Amino acid sequence: MPQNELRFNDLLEAVQNSAVHLEMRDVYGVGDEADDFTQWQETGRPDGDPGSAYWAPWVDLISRAKGRGVAVRRARIVSEPVTDYIRYEHAGTHVNVYAGEQVRWLTRRRAADLLHPGCDLWICDGAQVLFNHFTGPGDWASPPLELRTEPGIVKQCVASFEAVWDRAIPHDQYEIR
């Protein structure tokens, strides 16, 4: 996904105040995570080194944003009992936190009465929504990203994220079930 990655990185590099990410899938199958996920399945340990080739680009990107004073928040809506992929994601989230993200988890049951967009998204500075499109098995769809700036769409997505964030449990308090 190199050209789309560049577009996302450019967008995040331009953020001045806030970048929030809403994740709602129980399984992702994106190619750039395949090796690390396989390692976790075989050993029970994901790559937890913020300086590794896998994590360093993300840690650097988020660290630069934090250095500009950007608040970076990630909320994950998950089914319980969780999938193996969510267990893997939870096991590696300490690197997201290390990079400067605040991460929270919300069970799907506790999110049932909240309205959500149809796919994962990033909201940048409360003015742009970057929808992430995936295939059924969880790999990137084509095209994988859709940037929207219509005020009504942005407002709905911001409201959805904030409702999730208000109910969600901080990463250090969320126990996998």
N, C-alpha and C. Protein backbone atom coordinates (compact mmCIF):
# COMPACT_ATOMS: atom_id res chain seq x y z
N MET A 1 0.82 -1.19 0.00
CA MET A 1 0.00 0.00 0.00
C MET A 1 0.86 1.26 0.00
N PRO A 2 1.99 1.33 -0.64
CA PRO A 2 2.90 2.46 -0.55
C PRO A 2 2.30 3.82 -0.89
N GLN A 3 1.58 3.97 -2.02
CA GLN A 3 1.07 5.29 -2.36
C GLN A 3 0.00 5.75 -1.38
N ASN A 4 -0.82 4.84 -0.87
CA ASN A 4 -1.84 5.22 0.11
C ASN A 4 -1.21 5.52 1.46
N GLU A 5 -0.15 4.78 1.78
CA GLU A 5 0.57 5.03 3.02
C GLU A 5 1.13 6.45 3.00
N LEU A 6 1.68 6.85 1.85
CA LEU A 6 2.22 8.19 1.71
C LEU A 6 1.11 9.22 1.93
N ARG A 7 -0.04 9.00 1.33
CA ARG A 7 -1.17 9.93 1.49
C ARG A 7 -1.56 10.04 2.97
N PHE A 8 -1.64 8.90 3.67
CA PHE A 8 -1.98 8.92 5.08
C PHE A 8 -0.90 9.65 5.87
N ASN A 9 0.36 9.32 5.62
CA ASN A 9 1.45 9.97 6.34
C ASN A 9 1.43 11.47 6.12
N ASP A 10 1.20 11.92 4.88
CA ASP A 10 1.11 13.35 4.60
C ASP A 10 -0.02 13.99 5.40
N LEU A 11 -1.14 13.31 5.47
CA LEU A 11 -2.29 13.83 6.22
C LEU A 11 -1.94 13.96 7.70
N LEU A 12 -1.34 12.92 8.26
CA LEU A 12 -1.00 12.97 9.68
C LEU A 12 0.11 13.98 9.97
N GLU A 13 1.03 14.14 9.04
CA GLU A 13 2.10 15.14 9.22
C GLU A 13 1.54 16.57 9.25
N ALA A 14 0.38 16.78 8.63
CA ALA A 14 -0.22 18.11 8.57
C ALA A 14 -1.13 18.42 9.76
N VAL A 15 -1.46 17.42 10.56
CA VAL A 15 -2.35 17.62 11.70
C VAL A 15 -1.69 18.56 12.71
N GLN A 16 -2.51 19.45 13.25
CA GLN A 16 -2.00 20.44 14.21
C GLN A 16 -2.51 20.24 15.64
N ASN A 17 -3.73 19.69 15.79
CA ASN A 17 -4.33 19.61 17.12
C ASN A 17 -4.70 18.21 17.57
N SER A 18 -5.40 17.47 16.70
CA SER A 18 -5.87 16.15 17.12
C SER A 18 -5.97 15.19 15.96
N ALA A 19 -5.67 13.93 16.26
CA ALA A 19 -5.85 12.83 15.32
C ALA A 19 -6.46 11.70 16.11
N VAL A 20 -7.65 11.28 15.71
CA VAL A 20 -8.33 10.20 16.43
C VAL A 20 -8.64 9.07 15.45
N HIS A 21 -8.55 7.86 15.96
CA HIS A 21 -8.73 6.67 15.13
C HIS A 21 -9.78 5.78 15.76
N LEU A 22 -10.79 5.40 14.98
CA LEU A 22 -11.83 4.49 15.43
C LEU A 22 -11.67 3.17 14.67
N GLU A 23 -11.47 2.08 15.42
CA GLU A 23 -11.33 0.75 14.84
C GLU A 23 -12.52 -0.09 15.29
N MET A 24 -13.15 -0.77 14.33
CA MET A 24 -14.36 -1.51 14.67
C MET A 24 -14.37 -2.95 14.19
N ARG A 25 -13.28 -3.43 13.62
CA ARG A 25 -13.23 -4.81 13.12
C ARG A 25 -12.63 -5.74 14.18
N ASP A 26 -13.07 -6.99 14.17
CA ASP A 26 -12.51 -7.99 15.07
C ASP A 26 -11.34 -8.74 14.45
N VAL A 27 -11.18 -8.59 13.14
CA VAL A 27 -10.09 -9.24 12.43
C VAL A 27 -9.61 -8.31 11.33
N TYR A 28 -8.30 -8.17 11.26
CA TYR A 28 -7.67 -7.47 10.14
C TYR A 28 -6.72 -8.46 9.49
N GLY A 29 -6.58 -8.35 8.19
CA GLY A 29 -5.70 -9.26 7.48
C GLY A 29 -4.77 -8.51 6.56
N VAL A 30 -4.31 -7.33 7.01
CA VAL A 30 -3.47 -6.51 6.16
C VAL A 30 -2.08 -7.12 6.05
N GLY A 31 -1.58 -7.12 4.83
CA GLY A 31 -0.32 -7.78 4.51
C GLY A 31 0.87 -7.33 5.33
N ASP A 32 0.94 -6.03 5.67
CA ASP A 32 2.11 -5.55 6.40
C ASP A 32 2.16 -6.03 7.85
N GLU A 33 1.07 -6.62 8.34
CA GLU A 33 1.06 -7.17 9.70
C GLU A 33 1.18 -8.69 9.72
N ALA A 34 1.12 -9.31 8.56
CA ALA A 34 1.03 -10.78 8.48
C ALA A 34 2.18 -11.48 9.21
N ASP A 35 3.40 -11.05 8.97
CA ASP A 35 4.55 -11.71 9.60
C ASP A 35 4.52 -11.58 11.11
N ASP A 36 4.20 -10.39 11.61
CA ASP A 36 4.17 -10.19 13.05
C ASP A 36 3.04 -10.99 13.69
N PHE A 37 1.88 -11.04 13.02
CA PHE A 37 0.76 -11.81 13.54
C PHE A 37 1.11 -13.30 13.58
N THR A 38 1.77 -13.79 12.55
CA THR A 38 2.20 -15.20 12.52
C THR A 38 3.18 -15.47 13.65
N GLN A 39 4.13 -14.55 13.87
CA GLN A 39 5.09 -14.72 14.97
C GLN A 39 4.35 -14.80 16.29
N TRP A 40 3.36 -13.94 16.49
CA TRP A 40 2.59 -13.95 17.73
C TRP A 40 1.84 -15.28 17.88
N GLN A 41 1.25 -15.77 16.80
CA GLN A 41 0.53 -17.04 16.86
C GLN A 41 1.46 -18.19 17.25
N GLU A 42 2.69 -18.14 16.76
CA GLU A 42 3.64 -19.23 17.03
C GLU A 42 4.31 -19.11 18.39
N THR A 43 4.55 -17.89 18.86
CA THR A 43 5.33 -17.70 20.09
C THR A 43 4.55 -17.07 21.24
N GLY A 44 3.41 -16.43 20.92
CA GLY A 44 2.68 -15.70 21.95
C GLY A 44 3.25 -14.32 22.21
N ARG A 45 4.25 -13.93 21.41
CA ARG A 45 4.90 -12.63 21.59
C ARG A 45 4.90 -11.87 20.26
N PRO A 46 4.26 -10.71 20.23
CA PRO A 46 4.36 -9.89 19.02
C PRO A 46 5.67 -9.11 19.06
N ASP A 47 6.01 -8.47 17.98
CA ASP A 47 7.16 -7.56 17.97
C ASP A 47 6.80 -6.39 18.89
N GLY A 48 7.46 -6.29 20.02
CA GLY A 48 7.17 -5.24 20.97
C GLY A 48 8.27 -4.20 21.06
N ASP A 49 9.16 -4.18 20.08
CA ASP A 49 10.29 -3.25 20.08
C ASP A 49 9.93 -2.00 19.28
N PRO A 50 9.77 -0.85 19.95
CA PRO A 50 9.43 0.38 19.24
C PRO A 50 10.44 0.78 18.17
N GLY A 51 11.67 0.27 18.27
CA GLY A 51 12.70 0.61 17.31
C GLY A 51 12.85 -0.40 16.18
N SER A 52 12.00 -1.44 16.17
CA SER A 52 12.11 -2.47 15.13
C SER A 52 11.67 -1.92 13.77
N ALA A 53 12.05 -2.62 12.73
CA ALA A 53 11.66 -2.21 11.37
C ALA A 53 10.14 -2.18 11.23
N TYR A 54 9.44 -3.04 11.95
CA TYR A 54 7.98 -3.08 11.91
C TYR A 54 7.37 -1.83 12.56
N TRP A 55 7.84 -1.46 13.74
CA TRP A 55 7.22 -0.40 14.52
C TRP A 55 7.83 1.00 14.32
N ALA A 56 9.10 1.09 14.03
CA ALA A 56 9.78 2.40 14.01
C ALA A 56 9.10 3.46 13.14
N PRO A 57 8.64 3.14 11.93
CA PRO A 57 7.98 4.20 11.14
C PRO A 57 6.74 4.76 11.83
N TRP A 58 5.97 3.88 12.48
CA TRP A 58 4.77 4.35 13.18
C TRP A 58 5.15 5.16 14.42
N VAL A 59 6.08 4.66 15.19
CA VAL A 59 6.51 5.37 16.40
C VAL A 59 7.05 6.75 16.03
N ASP A 60 7.84 6.83 14.97
CA ASP A 60 8.38 8.12 14.52
C ASP A 60 7.26 9.07 14.09
N LEU A 61 6.30 8.57 13.32
CA LEU A 61 5.20 9.40 12.85
C LEU A 61 4.39 9.96 14.02
N ILE A 62 4.04 9.11 14.97
CA ILE A 62 3.25 9.56 16.12
C ILE A 62 4.08 10.46 17.02
N SER A 63 5.33 10.15 17.20
CA SER A 63 6.21 10.99 18.03
C SER A 63 6.33 12.40 17.46
N ARG A 64 6.44 12.50 16.15
CA ARG A 64 6.50 13.83 15.52
C ARG A 64 5.19 14.59 15.75
N ALA A 65 4.08 13.90 15.63
CA ALA A 65 2.78 14.54 15.87
C ALA A 65 2.69 15.02 17.32
N LYS A 66 3.07 14.15 18.25
CA LYS A 66 3.04 14.53 19.67
C LYS A 66 3.96 15.73 19.91
N GLY A 67 5.09 15.77 19.23
CA GLY A 67 6.03 16.88 19.36
C GLY A 67 5.44 18.21 18.90
N ARG A 68 4.46 18.15 18.00
CA ARG A 68 3.76 19.37 17.55
C ARG A 68 2.59 19.71 18.46
N GLY A 69 2.38 18.90 19.50
CA GLY A 69 1.27 19.14 20.42
C GLY A 69 -0.02 18.47 20.02
N VAL A 70 0.04 17.51 19.09
CA VAL A 70 -1.16 16.82 18.63
C VAL A 70 -1.57 15.75 19.64
N ALA A 71 -2.85 15.73 19.98
CA ALA A 71 -3.41 14.68 20.82
C ALA A 71 -3.81 13.53 19.89
N VAL A 72 -3.26 12.34 20.14
CA VAL A 72 -3.54 11.18 19.30
C VAL A 72 -4.29 10.15 20.16
N ARG A 73 -5.52 9.86 19.74
CA ARG A 73 -6.35 8.91 20.48
C ARG A 73 -6.84 7.81 19.55
N ARG A 74 -6.91 6.60 20.08
CA ARG A 74 -7.37 5.43 19.32
C ARG A 74 -8.41 4.71 20.18
N ALA A 75 -9.58 4.46 19.60
CA ALA A 75 -10.63 3.69 20.28
C ALA A 75 -10.93 2.44 19.47
N ARG A 76 -11.01 1.32 20.17
CA ARG A 76 -11.29 0.05 19.50
C ARG A 76 -12.58 -0.55 20.06
N ILE A 77 -13.51 -0.85 19.16
CA ILE A 77 -14.74 -1.53 19.54
C ILE A 77 -14.51 -3.01 19.22
N VAL A 78 -14.70 -3.88 20.23
CA VAL A 78 -14.39 -5.30 20.06
C VAL A 78 -15.52 -6.18 20.58
N SER A 79 -15.65 -7.34 19.96
CA SER A 79 -16.58 -8.36 20.43
C SER A 79 -15.90 -9.16 21.54
N GLU A 80 -16.70 -9.68 22.46
CA GLU A 80 -16.18 -10.57 23.49
C GLU A 80 -16.98 -11.86 23.45
N PRO A 81 -16.32 -13.00 23.58
CA PRO A 81 -14.88 -13.12 23.73
C PRO A 81 -14.17 -12.62 22.47
N VAL A 82 -12.95 -12.10 22.68
CA VAL A 82 -12.21 -11.49 21.58
C VAL A 82 -11.63 -12.54 20.64
N THR A 83 -11.36 -12.11 19.42
CA THR A 83 -10.70 -12.97 18.43
C THR A 83 -9.20 -13.05 18.74
N ASP A 84 -8.56 -14.00 18.11
CA ASP A 84 -7.10 -14.08 18.24
C ASP A 84 -6.44 -12.80 17.76
N TYR A 85 -6.99 -12.20 16.71
CA TYR A 85 -6.38 -10.97 16.21
C TYR A 85 -6.44 -9.87 17.27
N ILE A 86 -7.55 -9.75 17.96
CA ILE A 86 -7.67 -8.71 19.00
C ILE A 86 -6.72 -9.02 20.15
N ARG A 87 -6.53 -10.29 20.48
CA ARG A 87 -5.53 -10.65 21.50
C ARG A 87 -4.14 -10.19 21.07
N TYR A 88 -3.83 -10.42 19.81
CA TYR A 88 -2.55 -9.98 19.24
C TYR A 88 -2.43 -8.46 19.31
N GLU A 89 -3.48 -7.78 18.90
CA GLU A 89 -3.47 -6.32 18.91
C GLU A 89 -3.29 -5.78 20.34
N HIS A 90 -3.99 -6.38 21.27
CA HIS A 90 -3.88 -5.96 22.67
C HIS A 90 -2.45 -6.17 23.19
N ALA A 91 -1.85 -7.29 22.80
CA ALA A 91 -0.49 -7.61 23.26
C ALA A 91 0.54 -6.61 22.74
N GLY A 92 0.28 -5.97 21.61
CA GLY A 92 1.23 -5.01 21.05
C GLY A 92 0.89 -3.56 21.29
N THR A 93 -0.23 -3.28 21.94
CA THR A 93 -0.69 -1.90 22.11
C THR A 93 0.25 -1.07 22.96
N HIS A 94 1.08 -1.71 23.79
CA HIS A 94 2.02 -0.93 24.60
C HIS A 94 2.94 -0.09 23.71
N VAL A 95 3.18 -0.51 22.47
CA VAL A 95 4.01 0.28 21.57
C VAL A 95 3.25 1.52 21.10
N ASN A 96 1.94 1.38 20.84
CA ASN A 96 1.13 2.56 20.50
C ASN A 96 1.19 3.58 21.63
N VAL A 97 1.05 3.09 22.85
CA VAL A 97 1.10 3.96 24.04
C VAL A 97 2.48 4.59 24.17
N TYR A 98 3.52 3.79 23.99
CA TYR A 98 4.89 4.30 24.04
C TYR A 98 5.09 5.44 23.04
N ALA A 99 4.52 5.30 21.85
CA ALA A 99 4.66 6.32 20.80
C ALA A 99 3.95 7.61 21.17
N GLY A 100 2.96 7.53 22.07
CA GLY A 100 2.25 8.73 22.49
C GLY A 100 0.75 8.69 22.29
N GLU A 101 0.24 7.55 21.84
CA GLU A 101 -1.21 7.43 21.66
C GLU A 101 -1.89 7.13 23.00
N GLN A 102 -3.09 7.65 23.13
CA GLN A 102 -3.99 7.19 24.18
C GLN A 102 -4.87 6.14 23.52
N VAL A 103 -5.04 4.98 24.16
CA VAL A 103 -5.82 3.90 23.56
C VAL A 103 -6.88 3.44 24.55
N ARG A 104 -8.09 3.27 24.03
CA ARG A 104 -9.19 2.75 24.84
C ARG A 104 -9.91 1.65 24.08
N TRP A 105 -10.58 0.79 24.85
CA TRP A 105 -11.30 -0.37 24.33
C TRP A 105 -12.75 -0.30 24.78
N LEU A 106 -13.67 -0.65 23.88
CA LEU A 106 -15.10 -0.68 24.21
C LEU A 106 -15.69 -1.97 23.67
N THR A 107 -16.36 -2.70 24.54
CA THR A 107 -16.99 -3.93 24.06
C THR A 107 -18.19 -3.58 23.18
N ARG A 108 -18.41 -4.42 22.20
CA ARG A 108 -19.52 -4.20 21.27
C ARG A 108 -20.86 -4.15 22.03
N ARG A 109 -20.98 -4.95 23.07
CA ARG A 109 -22.22 -4.94 23.86
C ARG A 109 -22.46 -3.56 24.48
N ARG A 110 -21.41 -2.93 24.99
CA ARG A 110 -21.55 -1.60 25.60
C ARG A 110 -21.68 -0.50 24.55
N ALA A 111 -21.41 -0.84 23.29
CA ALA A 111 -21.52 0.14 22.20
C ALA A 111 -22.81 -0.03 21.41
N ALA A 112 -23.65 -0.99 21.79
CA ALA A 112 -24.81 -1.36 20.99
C ALA A 112 -25.76 -0.21 20.71
N ASP A 113 -25.92 0.71 21.63
CA ASP A 113 -26.88 1.80 21.42
C ASP A 113 -26.24 3.06 20.83
N LEU A 114 -24.97 2.95 20.42
CA LEU A 114 -24.28 4.09 19.80
C LEU A 114 -24.34 3.92 18.28
N LEU A 115 -24.40 5.02 17.58
CA LEU A 115 -24.38 4.99 16.12
C LEU A 115 -22.96 5.18 15.63
N HIS A 116 -22.56 4.36 14.64
CA HIS A 116 -21.19 4.40 14.13
C HIS A 116 -21.20 4.48 12.61
N PRO A 117 -20.13 5.03 12.04
CA PRO A 117 -19.97 4.96 10.59
C PRO A 117 -19.80 3.50 10.17
N GLY A 118 -19.85 3.25 8.88
CA GLY A 118 -19.78 1.89 8.38
C GLY A 118 -18.39 1.30 8.32
N CYS A 119 -17.36 2.09 8.59
CA CYS A 119 -15.99 1.55 8.52
C CYS A 119 -15.08 2.33 9.45
N ASP A 120 -13.90 1.77 9.65
CA ASP A 120 -12.88 2.42 10.47
C ASP A 120 -12.56 3.79 9.88
N LEU A 121 -12.00 4.65 10.73
CA LEU A 121 -11.70 5.99 10.24
C LEU A 121 -10.66 6.68 11.11
N TRP A 122 -10.10 7.72 10.53
CA TRP A 122 -9.27 8.69 11.23
C TRP A 122 -9.97 10.04 11.09
N ILE A 123 -9.95 10.83 12.15
CA ILE A 123 -10.46 12.21 12.09
C ILE A 123 -9.28 13.12 12.43
N CYS A 124 -8.99 14.04 11.51
CA CYS A 124 -7.85 14.93 11.68
C CYS A 124 -8.32 16.35 11.95
N ASP A 125 -7.90 16.88 13.09
CA ASP A 125 -8.22 18.24 13.50
C ASP A 125 -9.71 18.54 13.47
N GLY A 126 -10.54 17.52 13.63
CA GLY A 126 -11.99 17.71 13.64
C GLY A 126 -12.54 18.27 12.35
N ALA A 127 -11.76 18.16 11.25
CA ALA A 127 -12.18 18.77 9.99
C ALA A 127 -12.13 17.83 8.80
N GLN A 128 -11.44 16.72 8.94
CA GLN A 128 -11.28 15.76 7.85
C GLN A 128 -11.48 14.35 8.39
N VAL A 129 -12.19 13.54 7.62
CA VAL A 129 -12.38 12.14 7.98
C VAL A 129 -11.74 11.30 6.89
N LEU A 130 -10.87 10.40 7.30
CA LEU A 130 -10.25 9.47 6.37
C LEU A 130 -10.82 8.09 6.67
N PHE A 131 -11.73 7.63 5.79
CA PHE A 131 -12.32 6.32 5.95
C PHE A 131 -11.33 5.26 5.48
N ASN A 132 -11.22 4.16 6.23
CA ASN A 132 -10.37 3.03 5.87
C ASN A 132 -11.27 1.92 5.37
N HIS A 133 -11.08 1.50 4.12
CA HIS A 133 -11.91 0.46 3.54
C HIS A 133 -11.14 -0.86 3.50
N PHE A 134 -11.80 -1.93 3.96
CA PHE A 134 -11.21 -3.26 4.01
C PHE A 134 -12.09 -4.26 3.28
N THR A 135 -11.48 -5.35 2.85
CA THR A 135 -12.22 -6.47 2.29
C THR A 135 -12.83 -7.26 3.44
N GLY A 136 -13.68 -8.24 3.11
CA GLY A 136 -14.27 -9.09 4.14
C GLY A 136 -13.24 -9.75 5.04
N PRO A 137 -12.17 -10.36 4.47
CA PRO A 137 -11.15 -10.98 5.32
C PRO A 137 -10.26 -9.98 6.06
N GLY A 138 -10.37 -8.68 5.74
CA GLY A 138 -9.65 -7.67 6.51
C GLY A 138 -8.43 -7.08 5.86
N ASP A 139 -8.19 -7.38 4.59
CA ASP A 139 -7.07 -6.73 3.89
C ASP A 139 -7.58 -5.40 3.33
N TRP A 140 -6.65 -4.57 2.88
CA TRP A 140 -7.03 -3.28 2.30
C TRP A 140 -7.87 -3.50 1.05
N ALA A 141 -8.97 -2.76 0.93
CA ALA A 141 -9.78 -2.77 -0.28
C ALA A 141 -9.10 -1.85 -1.30
N SER A 142 -9.65 -1.82 -2.49
CA SER A 142 -9.08 -0.95 -3.52
C SER A 142 -10.18 -0.01 -4.04
N PRO A 143 -10.05 1.28 -3.83
CA PRO A 143 -8.99 1.95 -3.09
C PRO A 143 -9.24 1.82 -1.58
N PRO A 144 -8.17 1.86 -0.79
CA PRO A 144 -8.33 1.62 0.65
C PRO A 144 -8.73 2.85 1.46
N LEU A 145 -8.49 4.03 0.94
CA LEU A 145 -8.71 5.25 1.72
C LEU A 145 -9.67 6.19 0.98
N GLU A 146 -10.48 6.88 1.78
CA GLU A 146 -11.42 7.86 1.23
C GLU A 146 -11.45 9.07 2.15
N LEU A 147 -11.00 10.20 1.67
CA LEU A 147 -10.96 11.43 2.46
C LEU A 147 -12.24 12.22 2.24
N ARG A 148 -12.90 12.60 3.34
CA ARG A 148 -14.15 13.37 3.26
C ARG A 148 -14.02 14.60 4.16
N THR A 149 -14.54 15.71 3.70
CA THR A 149 -14.45 16.96 4.47
C THR A 149 -15.81 17.64 4.63
N GLU A 150 -16.88 17.02 4.15
CA GLU A 150 -18.20 17.65 4.29
C GLU A 150 -18.52 17.82 5.77
N PRO A 151 -18.90 19.03 6.18
CA PRO A 151 -19.14 19.30 7.61
C PRO A 151 -20.11 18.33 8.28
N GLY A 152 -21.17 17.94 7.59
CA GLY A 152 -22.14 17.02 8.19
C GLY A 152 -21.53 15.65 8.47
N ILE A 153 -20.74 15.14 7.55
CA ILE A 153 -20.09 13.85 7.75
C ILE A 153 -19.07 13.94 8.87
N VAL A 154 -18.27 14.99 8.85
CA VAL A 154 -17.27 15.17 9.90
C VAL A 154 -17.94 15.25 11.27
N LYS A 155 -19.00 16.03 11.37
CA LYS A 155 -19.71 16.20 12.64
C LYS A 155 -20.23 14.86 13.17
N GLN A 156 -20.83 14.05 12.28
CA GLN A 156 -21.35 12.75 12.69
C GLN A 156 -20.22 11.83 13.18
N CYS A 157 -19.12 11.85 12.47
CA CYS A 157 -18.00 10.97 12.84
C CYS A 157 -17.35 11.42 14.14
N VAL A 158 -17.22 12.71 14.33
CA VAL A 158 -16.67 13.23 15.60
C VAL A 158 -17.58 12.82 16.75
N ALA A 159 -18.89 12.99 16.58
CA ALA A 159 -19.84 12.62 17.63
C ALA A 159 -19.75 11.12 17.94
N SER A 160 -19.64 10.31 16.91
CA SER A 160 -19.53 8.86 17.12
C SER A 160 -18.26 8.52 17.89
N PHE A 161 -17.13 9.08 17.46
CA PHE A 161 -15.88 8.79 18.16
C PHE A 161 -15.96 9.21 19.62
N GLU A 162 -16.43 10.42 19.87
CA GLU A 162 -16.47 10.92 21.25
C GLU A 162 -17.39 10.08 22.13
N ALA A 163 -18.51 9.60 21.57
CA ALA A 163 -19.40 8.74 22.35
C ALA A 163 -18.71 7.44 22.72
N VAL A 164 -17.97 6.87 21.78
CA VAL A 164 -17.20 5.65 22.05
C VAL A 164 -16.13 5.95 23.10
N TRP A 165 -15.39 7.02 22.89
CA TRP A 165 -14.29 7.37 23.79
C TRP A 165 -14.78 7.54 25.23
N ASP A 166 -15.93 8.20 25.39
CA ASP A 166 -16.47 8.44 26.73
C ASP A 166 -16.80 7.15 27.47
N ARG A 167 -17.20 6.11 26.76
CA ARG A 167 -17.56 4.83 27.39
C ARG A 167 -16.40 3.85 27.48
N ALA A 168 -15.41 4.05 26.67
CA ALA A 168 -14.35 3.05 26.54
C ALA A 168 -13.43 3.00 27.76
N ILE A 169 -12.77 1.87 27.89
CA ILE A 169 -11.88 1.59 29.02
C ILE A 169 -10.44 1.85 28.59
N PRO A 170 -9.67 2.60 29.38
CA PRO A 170 -8.26 2.83 29.04
C PRO A 170 -7.52 1.49 28.89
N HIS A 171 -6.56 1.50 27.99
CA HIS A 171 -5.82 0.26 27.67
C HIS A 171 -5.28 -0.43 28.92
N ASP A 172 -4.70 0.31 29.83
CA ASP A 172 -4.09 -0.33 31.00
C ASP A 172 -5.11 -0.93 31.96
N GLN A 173 -6.39 -0.67 31.70
CA GLN A 173 -7.44 -1.24 32.57
C GLN A 173 -8.28 -2.30 31.86
N TYR A 174 -8.12 -2.41 30.54
CA TYR A 174 -8.94 -3.37 29.80
C TYR A 174 -8.31 -4.76 29.84
N GLU A 175 -9.07 -5.72 30.33
CA GLU A 175 -8.61 -7.10 30.41
C GLU A 175 -9.27 -7.91 29.32
N ILE A 176 -8.45 -8.64 28.58
CA ILE A 176 -8.95 -9.50 27.51
C ILE A 176 -9.78 -10.63 28.10
N ARG A 177 -10.91 -10.89 27.45
CA ARG A 177 -11.79 -12.01 27.86
C ARG A 177 -11.97 -12.97 26.72
